């Protein structure tokens, strides 16, 4: 949970500095780890990679699957494209949703 809170805190700093690509990477890490924590609580293990995470979500948790499926291409795009503030804000809201579902308090 500390990693998630750190990723969120640092992503918010990057966002406020206008470093939207860095914010995207950090918010996506927070999203993935939040979802892994959710899966750990529900299934008793942490997925070993993106493929396994997506499979579990698609089969058992379609709401979270849609969040990951929407944001994974944005994360990939952050390596080669300039990400906008608006996209970062959508990702940030999705991180808040997923972390709340996992029972994680977001310390700002």
N, C-alpha and C. Protein backbone atom coordinates (compact mmCIF):
# COMPACT_ATOMS: atom_id res chain seq x y z
N UNK A 1 0.83 -1.19 0.00
CA UNK A 1 0.00 0.00 0.00
C UNK A 1 0.87 1.26 0.00
N UNK A 2 2.02 1.17 0.64
CA UNK A 2 2.91 2.33 0.64
C UNK A 2 3.40 2.66 -0.76
N UNK A 3 3.64 1.62 -1.56
CA UNK A 3 4.08 1.86 -2.95
C UNK A 3 2.99 2.60 -3.72
N UNK A 4 1.76 2.18 -3.54
CA UNK A 4 0.64 2.82 -4.25
C UNK A 4 0.55 4.29 -3.85
N UNK A 5 0.60 4.54 -2.56
CA UNK A 5 0.52 5.92 -2.07
C UNK A 5 1.69 6.75 -2.60
N UNK A 6 2.88 6.15 -2.64
CA UNK A 6 4.05 6.87 -3.18
C UNK A 6 3.86 7.17 -4.66
N UNK A 7 3.42 6.18 -5.44
CA UNK A 7 3.20 6.41 -6.88
C UNK A 7 2.19 7.54 -7.09
N UNK A 8 1.10 7.52 -6.32
CA UNK A 8 0.07 8.56 -6.47
C UNK A 8 0.64 9.93 -6.10
N UNK A 9 1.32 10.00 -4.98
CA UNK A 9 1.90 11.27 -4.51
C UNK A 9 2.87 11.83 -5.55
N UNK A 10 3.76 10.98 -6.06
CA UNK A 10 4.74 11.44 -7.04
C UNK A 10 4.09 11.77 -8.39
N UNK A 11 3.06 11.04 -8.75
CA UNK A 11 2.33 11.34 -10.00
C UNK A 11 1.65 12.70 -9.89
N UNK A 12 1.07 12.99 -8.74
CA UNK A 12 0.43 14.29 -8.55
C UNK A 12 1.44 15.42 -8.62
N UNK A 13 2.63 15.20 -8.07
CA UNK A 13 3.70 16.21 -8.18
C UNK A 13 4.08 16.41 -9.65
N UNK A 14 4.28 15.31 -10.36
CA UNK A 14 4.65 15.41 -11.78
C UNK A 14 3.56 16.14 -12.56
N UNK A 15 2.31 15.82 -12.27
CA UNK A 15 1.19 16.49 -12.95
C UNK A 15 1.22 17.99 -12.67
N UNK A 16 1.41 18.36 -11.42
CA UNK A 16 1.42 19.79 -11.09
C UNK A 16 2.61 20.51 -11.71
N UNK A 17 3.68 19.78 -12.02
CA UNK A 17 4.84 20.35 -12.69
C UNK A 17 4.70 20.36 -14.21
N UNK A 18 3.60 19.80 -14.72
CA UNK A 18 3.39 19.74 -16.16
C UNK A 18 4.13 18.60 -16.84
N UNK A 19 4.66 17.67 -16.05
CA UNK A 19 5.37 16.50 -16.58
C UNK A 19 4.35 15.37 -16.77
N UNK A 20 3.52 15.50 -17.79
CA UNK A 20 2.37 14.62 -17.95
C UNK A 20 2.75 13.19 -18.33
N UNK A 21 3.83 13.02 -19.06
CA UNK A 21 4.26 11.66 -19.38
C UNK A 21 4.73 10.92 -18.13
N UNK A 22 5.49 11.61 -17.31
CA UNK A 22 5.93 11.00 -16.04
C UNK A 22 4.73 10.72 -15.14
N UNK A 23 3.80 11.65 -15.09
CA UNK A 23 2.59 11.45 -14.29
C UNK A 23 1.81 10.24 -14.80
N UNK A 24 1.74 10.07 -16.11
CA UNK A 24 1.03 8.92 -16.69
C UNK A 24 1.67 7.61 -16.24
N UNK A 25 2.98 7.54 -16.33
CA UNK A 25 3.69 6.32 -15.93
C UNK A 25 3.45 6.01 -14.46
N UNK A 26 3.55 7.02 -13.62
CA UNK A 26 3.36 6.80 -12.18
C UNK A 26 1.91 6.47 -11.83
N UNK A 27 0.97 7.17 -12.45
CA UNK A 27 -0.44 6.84 -12.19
C UNK A 27 -0.77 5.42 -12.67
N UNK A 28 -0.20 5.03 -13.82
CA UNK A 28 -0.47 3.67 -14.29
C UNK A 28 0.11 2.64 -13.34
N UNK A 29 1.30 2.89 -12.83
CA UNK A 29 1.88 1.97 -11.83
C UNK A 29 0.96 1.87 -10.61
N UNK A 30 0.45 3.01 -10.17
CA UNK A 30 -0.47 3.01 -9.03
C UNK A 30 -1.73 2.21 -9.36
N UNK A 31 -2.22 2.34 -10.59
CA UNK A 31 -3.40 1.60 -11.03
C UNK A 31 -3.12 0.10 -11.02
N UNK A 32 -2.03 -0.30 -11.63
CA UNK A 32 -1.70 -1.73 -11.72
C UNK A 32 -1.50 -2.34 -10.33
N UNK A 33 -0.79 -1.64 -9.47
CA UNK A 33 -0.54 -2.18 -8.13
C UNK A 33 -1.82 -2.19 -7.29
N UNK A 34 -2.67 -1.18 -7.46
CA UNK A 34 -3.97 -1.18 -6.77
C UNK A 34 -4.80 -2.38 -7.19
N UNK A 35 -4.82 -2.64 -8.47
CA UNK A 35 -5.58 -3.78 -8.97
C UNK A 35 -4.96 -5.08 -8.51
N UNK A 36 -3.65 -5.16 -8.50
CA UNK A 36 -2.99 -6.36 -7.97
C UNK A 36 -3.35 -6.57 -6.50
N UNK A 37 -3.40 -5.49 -5.74
CA UNK A 37 -3.77 -5.59 -4.33
C UNK A 37 -5.22 -6.07 -4.19
N UNK A 38 -6.10 -5.56 -5.05
CA UNK A 38 -7.49 -6.01 -5.08
C UNK A 38 -7.56 -7.51 -5.37
N UNK A 39 -6.82 -7.96 -6.38
CA UNK A 39 -6.80 -9.38 -6.74
C UNK A 39 -6.24 -10.21 -5.59
N UNK A 40 -5.20 -9.73 -4.95
CA UNK A 40 -4.64 -10.44 -3.80
C UNK A 40 -5.70 -10.64 -2.72
N UNK A 41 -6.45 -9.60 -2.43
CA UNK A 41 -7.49 -9.70 -1.40
C UNK A 41 -8.60 -10.67 -1.81
N UNK A 42 -8.95 -10.68 -3.09
CA UNK A 42 -10.06 -11.52 -3.57
C UNK A 42 -9.64 -12.94 -3.91
N UNK A 43 -8.44 -13.09 -4.47
CA UNK A 43 -8.02 -14.39 -5.02
C UNK A 43 -6.91 -15.06 -4.22
N UNK A 44 -6.22 -14.28 -3.40
CA UNK A 44 -5.16 -14.86 -2.57
C UNK A 44 -3.78 -14.89 -3.21
N UNK A 45 -3.61 -14.23 -4.36
CA UNK A 45 -2.30 -14.17 -5.00
C UNK A 45 -2.22 -12.91 -5.85
N UNK A 46 -0.99 -12.56 -6.22
CA UNK A 46 -0.75 -11.40 -7.08
C UNK A 46 -0.41 -11.91 -8.48
N UNK A 47 -1.04 -11.37 -9.51
CA UNK A 47 -0.70 -11.78 -10.88
C UNK A 47 0.78 -11.54 -11.16
N UNK A 48 1.37 -12.41 -11.95
CA UNK A 48 2.81 -12.31 -12.21
C UNK A 48 3.15 -11.38 -13.37
N UNK A 49 2.15 -11.00 -14.18
CA UNK A 49 2.42 -10.12 -15.31
C UNK A 49 1.12 -9.49 -15.82
N UNK A 50 1.25 -8.61 -16.81
CA UNK A 50 0.07 -7.93 -17.36
C UNK A 50 -0.93 -8.92 -17.95
N UNK A 51 -0.44 -9.92 -18.64
CA UNK A 51 -1.33 -10.89 -19.29
C UNK A 51 -2.19 -11.61 -18.26
N UNK A 52 -1.58 -12.07 -17.20
CA UNK A 52 -2.34 -12.75 -16.16
C UNK A 52 -3.33 -11.80 -15.49
N UNK A 53 -2.90 -10.57 -15.23
CA UNK A 53 -3.78 -9.58 -14.62
C UNK A 53 -5.01 -9.36 -15.50
N UNK A 54 -4.79 -9.14 -16.80
CA UNK A 54 -5.90 -8.91 -17.72
C UNK A 54 -6.85 -10.11 -17.77
N UNK A 55 -6.28 -11.31 -17.80
CA UNK A 55 -7.12 -12.51 -17.87
C UNK A 55 -8.04 -12.61 -16.65
N UNK A 56 -7.48 -12.43 -15.47
CA UNK A 56 -8.27 -12.51 -14.23
C UNK A 56 -9.35 -11.44 -14.23
N UNK A 57 -8.97 -10.23 -14.59
CA UNK A 57 -9.95 -9.14 -14.59
C UNK A 57 -11.06 -9.39 -15.60
N UNK A 58 -10.70 -9.84 -16.78
CA UNK A 58 -11.71 -10.08 -17.82
C UNK A 58 -12.69 -11.17 -17.39
N UNK A 59 -12.17 -12.22 -16.75
CA UNK A 59 -13.02 -13.33 -16.32
C UNK A 59 -13.87 -13.02 -15.10
N UNK A 60 -13.32 -12.26 -14.14
CA UNK A 60 -13.99 -12.13 -12.85
C UNK A 60 -14.38 -10.72 -12.43
N UNK A 61 -13.69 -9.73 -12.96
CA UNK A 61 -13.91 -8.35 -12.51
C UNK A 61 -13.98 -7.41 -13.71
N UNK A 62 -15.05 -7.50 -14.50
CA UNK A 62 -15.12 -6.75 -15.76
C UNK A 62 -15.05 -5.23 -15.60
N UNK A 63 -15.53 -4.70 -14.49
CA UNK A 63 -15.45 -3.25 -14.30
C UNK A 63 -13.98 -2.81 -14.23
N UNK A 64 -13.18 -3.51 -13.45
CA UNK A 64 -11.75 -3.19 -13.36
C UNK A 64 -11.03 -3.52 -14.67
N UNK A 65 -11.48 -4.56 -15.35
CA UNK A 65 -10.89 -4.89 -16.66
C UNK A 65 -11.05 -3.70 -17.61
N UNK A 66 -12.23 -3.12 -17.64
CA UNK A 66 -12.46 -1.98 -18.54
C UNK A 66 -11.55 -0.80 -18.20
N UNK A 67 -11.33 -0.57 -16.92
CA UNK A 67 -10.43 0.51 -16.51
C UNK A 67 -9.01 0.23 -17.00
N UNK A 68 -8.53 -0.99 -16.76
CA UNK A 68 -7.16 -1.34 -17.20
C UNK A 68 -7.06 -1.31 -18.73
N UNK A 69 -8.05 -1.87 -19.39
CA UNK A 69 -8.03 -1.96 -20.84
C UNK A 69 -8.01 -0.56 -21.48
N UNK A 70 -8.71 0.38 -20.88
CA UNK A 70 -8.74 1.75 -21.38
C UNK A 70 -7.40 2.45 -21.16
N UNK A 71 -6.76 2.19 -20.04
CA UNK A 71 -5.57 2.95 -19.66
C UNK A 71 -4.24 2.33 -20.10
N UNK A 72 -4.21 1.04 -20.36
CA UNK A 72 -2.95 0.40 -20.77
C UNK A 72 -2.38 1.01 -22.05
N UNK A 73 -3.20 1.26 -23.08
CA UNK A 73 -2.64 1.89 -24.28
C UNK A 73 -2.10 3.30 -24.01
N UNK A 74 -2.71 4.01 -23.07
CA UNK A 74 -2.22 5.35 -22.72
C UNK A 74 -0.83 5.23 -22.10
N UNK A 75 -0.69 4.28 -21.20
CA UNK A 75 0.61 4.01 -20.59
C UNK A 75 1.65 3.69 -21.67
N UNK A 76 1.29 2.84 -22.61
CA UNK A 76 2.22 2.49 -23.69
C UNK A 76 2.54 3.71 -24.55
N UNK A 77 1.53 4.53 -24.83
CA UNK A 77 1.74 5.74 -25.62
C UNK A 77 2.68 6.72 -24.94
N UNK A 78 2.72 6.69 -23.61
CA UNK A 78 3.55 7.66 -22.88
C UNK A 78 5.04 7.49 -23.18
N UNK A 79 5.41 6.37 -23.77
CA UNK A 79 6.81 6.15 -24.14
C UNK A 79 7.19 6.85 -25.44
N UNK A 80 6.17 7.15 -26.27
CA UNK A 80 6.51 7.70 -27.58
C UNK A 80 5.73 8.94 -27.98
N UNK A 81 4.66 9.26 -27.25
CA UNK A 81 3.84 10.43 -27.57
C UNK A 81 3.81 11.39 -26.39
N UNK A 82 3.44 12.63 -26.65
CA UNK A 82 3.27 13.61 -25.60
C UNK A 82 1.84 13.46 -25.06
N UNK A 83 1.72 13.22 -23.77
CA UNK A 83 0.43 13.01 -23.13
C UNK A 83 -0.11 14.35 -22.63
N UNK A 84 -1.41 14.55 -22.77
CA UNK A 84 -2.03 15.81 -22.36
C UNK A 84 -2.49 15.78 -20.90
N UNK A 85 -2.68 16.93 -20.36
CA UNK A 85 -3.17 17.07 -18.98
C UNK A 85 -4.53 16.39 -18.83
N UNK A 86 -5.39 16.53 -19.82
CA UNK A 86 -6.73 15.95 -19.76
C UNK A 86 -6.68 14.43 -19.65
N UNK A 87 -5.79 13.82 -20.39
CA UNK A 87 -5.66 12.36 -20.33
C UNK A 87 -5.15 11.94 -18.96
N UNK A 88 -4.19 12.68 -18.42
CA UNK A 88 -3.66 12.38 -17.09
C UNK A 88 -4.78 12.48 -16.05
N UNK A 89 -5.63 13.47 -16.18
CA UNK A 89 -6.72 13.65 -15.20
C UNK A 89 -7.71 12.49 -15.24
N UNK A 90 -7.99 11.95 -16.42
CA UNK A 90 -8.87 10.78 -16.52
C UNK A 90 -8.21 9.57 -15.86
N UNK A 91 -6.95 9.37 -16.14
CA UNK A 91 -6.20 8.27 -15.53
C UNK A 91 -6.18 8.42 -14.01
N UNK A 92 -5.96 9.63 -13.53
CA UNK A 92 -5.93 9.88 -12.09
C UNK A 92 -7.27 9.49 -11.43
N UNK A 93 -8.37 9.82 -12.08
CA UNK A 93 -9.69 9.44 -11.54
C UNK A 93 -9.85 7.92 -11.52
N UNK A 94 -9.37 7.25 -12.55
CA UNK A 94 -9.45 5.79 -12.59
C UNK A 94 -8.60 5.17 -11.48
N UNK A 95 -7.45 5.76 -11.20
CA UNK A 95 -6.61 5.29 -10.10
C UNK A 95 -7.36 5.44 -8.77
N UNK A 96 -8.02 6.57 -8.59
CA UNK A 96 -8.78 6.78 -7.36
C UNK A 96 -9.88 5.72 -7.22
N UNK A 97 -10.58 5.44 -8.30
CA UNK A 97 -11.63 4.43 -8.27
C UNK A 97 -11.07 3.06 -7.91
N UNK A 98 -10.01 2.65 -8.59
CA UNK A 98 -9.43 1.32 -8.35
C UNK A 98 -8.84 1.21 -6.95
N UNK A 99 -8.16 2.24 -6.50
CA UNK A 99 -7.56 2.17 -5.17
C UNK A 99 -8.63 2.15 -4.08
N UNK A 100 -9.72 2.87 -4.28
CA UNK A 100 -10.83 2.81 -3.33
C UNK A 100 -11.45 1.42 -3.30
N UNK A 101 -11.61 0.82 -4.49
CA UNK A 101 -12.16 -0.54 -4.54
C UNK A 101 -11.25 -1.54 -3.82
N UNK A 102 -9.95 -1.28 -3.82
CA UNK A 102 -8.99 -2.15 -3.15
C UNK A 102 -8.87 -1.84 -1.67
N UNK A 103 -9.56 -0.78 -1.23
CA UNK A 103 -9.52 -0.43 0.19
C UNK A 103 -8.29 0.35 0.58
N UNK A 104 -7.74 1.10 -0.35
CA UNK A 104 -6.53 1.88 -0.10
C UNK A 104 -6.90 3.34 0.09
N UNK A 105 -6.39 3.91 1.16
CA UNK A 105 -6.62 5.33 1.41
C UNK A 105 -5.55 6.14 0.68
N UNK A 106 -5.99 7.14 -0.05
CA UNK A 106 -5.06 7.98 -0.79
C UNK A 106 -4.70 9.19 0.05
N UNK A 107 -3.49 9.19 0.55
CA UNK A 107 -3.00 10.34 1.31
C UNK A 107 -2.45 11.37 0.33
N UNK A 108 -2.98 12.56 0.37
CA UNK A 108 -2.52 13.60 -0.57
C UNK A 108 -1.53 14.49 0.07
